[in-house]
């Protein structure tokens, strides 16, 4: 995994987590 992919994956996970929380 490249750094860019890793960052994107983390952002996606955070976004999904926030969506589930709301």
PDB file of N, CA and C in Angstrom:
ATOM      1  N   UNK A   1       0.848  -1.208   0.000  1.00  0.00           N
ATOM      2  CA  UNK A   1       0.000   0.000   0.000  1.00  0.00           C
ATOM      3  C   UNK A   1       0.880   1.253   0.000  1.00  0.00           C
ATOM      4  N   UNK A   2       0.552   2.185  -0.855  1.00  0.00           N
ATOM      5  CA  UNK A   2       1.312   3.435  -0.874  1.00  0.00           C
ATOM      6  C   UNK A   2       0.770   4.365   0.197  1.00  0.00           C
ATOM      7  N   UNK A   3       1.533   5.407   0.485  1.00  0.00           N
ATOM      8  CA  UNK A   3       1.091   6.352   1.522  1.00  0.00           C
ATOM      9  C   UNK A   3      -0.231   6.997   1.130  1.00  0.00           C
ATOM     10  N   UNK A   4      -0.353   7.394  -0.133  1.00  0.00           N
ATOM     11  CA  UNK A   4      -1.587   8.048  -0.588  1.00  0.00           C
ATOM     12  C   UNK A   4      -2.783   7.122  -0.409  1.00  0.00           C
ATOM     13  N   UNK A   5      -2.620   5.867  -0.777  1.00  0.00           N
ATOM     14  CA  UNK A   5      -3.734   4.914  -0.636  1.00  0.00           C
ATOM     15  C   UNK A   5      -4.075   4.726   0.832  1.00  0.00           C
ATOM     16  N   UNK A   6      -3.043   4.677   1.661  1.00  0.00           N
ATOM     17  CA  UNK A   6      -3.262   4.489   3.092  1.00  0.00           C
ATOM     18  C   UNK A   6      -4.050   5.669   3.663  1.00  0.00           C
ATOM     19  N   UNK A   7      -3.669   6.876   3.298  1.00  0.00           N
ATOM     20  CA  UNK A   7      -4.356   8.076   3.791  1.00  0.00           C
ATOM     21  C   UNK A   7      -5.809   8.066   3.313  1.00  0.00           C
ATOM     22  N   UNK A   8      -5.998   7.729   2.023  1.00  0.00           N
ATOM     23  CA  UNK A   8      -7.351   7.715   1.472  1.00  0.00           C
ATOM     24  C   UNK A   8      -8.212   6.692   2.201  1.00  0.00           C
ATOM     25  N   UNK A   9      -7.620   5.529   2.477  1.00  0.00           N
ATOM     26  CA  UNK A   9      -8.355   4.472   3.177  1.00  0.00           C
ATOM     27  C   UNK A   9      -8.759   4.940   4.570  1.00  0.00           C
ATOM     28  N   UNK A  10      -7.852   5.619   5.241  1.00  0.00           N
ATOM     29  CA  UNK A  10      -8.155   6.107   6.596  1.00  0.00           C
ATOM     30  C   UNK A  10      -9.281   7.132   6.542  1.00  0.00           C
ATOM     31  N   UNK A  11      -9.210   8.055   5.583  1.00  0.00           N
ATOM     32  CA  UNK A  11     -10.254   9.073   5.463  1.00  0.00           C
ATOM     33  C   UNK A  11     -11.598   8.406   5.196  1.00  0.00           C
ATOM     34  N   UNK A  12     -11.608   7.380   4.337  1.00  0.00           N
ATOM     35  CA  UNK A  12     -12.848   6.678   4.013  1.00  0.00           C
ATOM     36  C   UNK A  12     -13.408   6.013   5.265  1.00  0.00           C
ATOM     37  N   UNK A  13     -12.532   5.399   6.051  1.00  0.00           N
ATOM     38  CA  UNK A  13     -12.973   4.721   7.271  1.00  0.00           C
ATOM     39  C   UNK A  13     -13.575   5.731   8.242  1.00  0.00           C
ATOM     40  N   UNK A  14     -12.910   6.868   8.391  1.00  0.00           N
ATOM     41  CA  UNK A  14     -13.410   7.904   9.307  1.00  0.00           C
ATOM     42  C   UNK A  14     -14.757   8.407   8.820  1.00  0.00           C
ATOM     43  N   UNK A  15     -14.881   8.599   7.501  1.00  0.00           N
ATOM     44  CA  UNK A  15     -16.137   9.101   6.946  1.00  0.00           C
ATOM     45  C   UNK A  15     -17.261   8.103   7.216  1.00  0.00           C
ATOM     46  N   UNK A  16     -16.978   6.812   6.986  1.00  0.00           N
ATOM     47  CA  UNK A  16     -17.990   5.785   7.220  1.00  0.00           C
ATOM     48  C   UNK A  16     -18.371   5.733   8.691  1.00  0.00           C
ATOM     49  N   UNK A  17     -17.384   5.893   9.569  1.00  0.00           N
ATOM     50  CA  UNK A  17     -17.642   5.846  11.008  1.00  0.00           C
ATOM     51  C   UNK A  17     -18.548   7.017  11.416  1.00  0.00           C
ATOM     52  N   UNK A  18     -18.251   8.191  10.885  1.00  0.00           N
ATOM     53  CA  UNK A  18     -19.062   9.364  11.232  1.00  0.00           C
ATOM     54  C   UNK A  18     -20.484   9.191  10.706  1.00  0.00           C
ATOM     55  N   UNK A  19     -20.601   8.643   9.483  1.00  0.00           N
ATOM     56  CA  UNK A  19     -21.932   8.426   8.907  1.00  0.00           C
ATOM     57  C   UNK A  19     -22.734   7.470   9.775  1.00  0.00           C
ATOM     58  N   UNK A  20     -22.086   6.430  10.277  1.00  0.00           N
ATOM     59  CA  UNK A  20     -22.770   5.439  11.103  1.00  0.00           C
ATOM     60  C   UNK A  20     -23.157   6.052  12.454  1.00  0.00           C
ATOM     61  N   UNK A  21     -22.351   6.988  12.939  1.00  0.00           N
ATOM     62  CA  UNK A  21     -22.617   7.594  14.242  1.00  0.00           C
ATOM     63  C   UNK A  21     -23.823   8.524  14.177  1.00  0.00           C
ATOM     64  N   UNK A  22     -23.930   9.253  13.081  1.00  0.00           N
ATOM     65  CA  UNK A  22     -25.023  10.242  12.979  1.00  0.00           C
ATOM     66  C   UNK A  22     -26.358   9.534  12.833  1.00  0.00           C
TER      67      UNK A  22
END
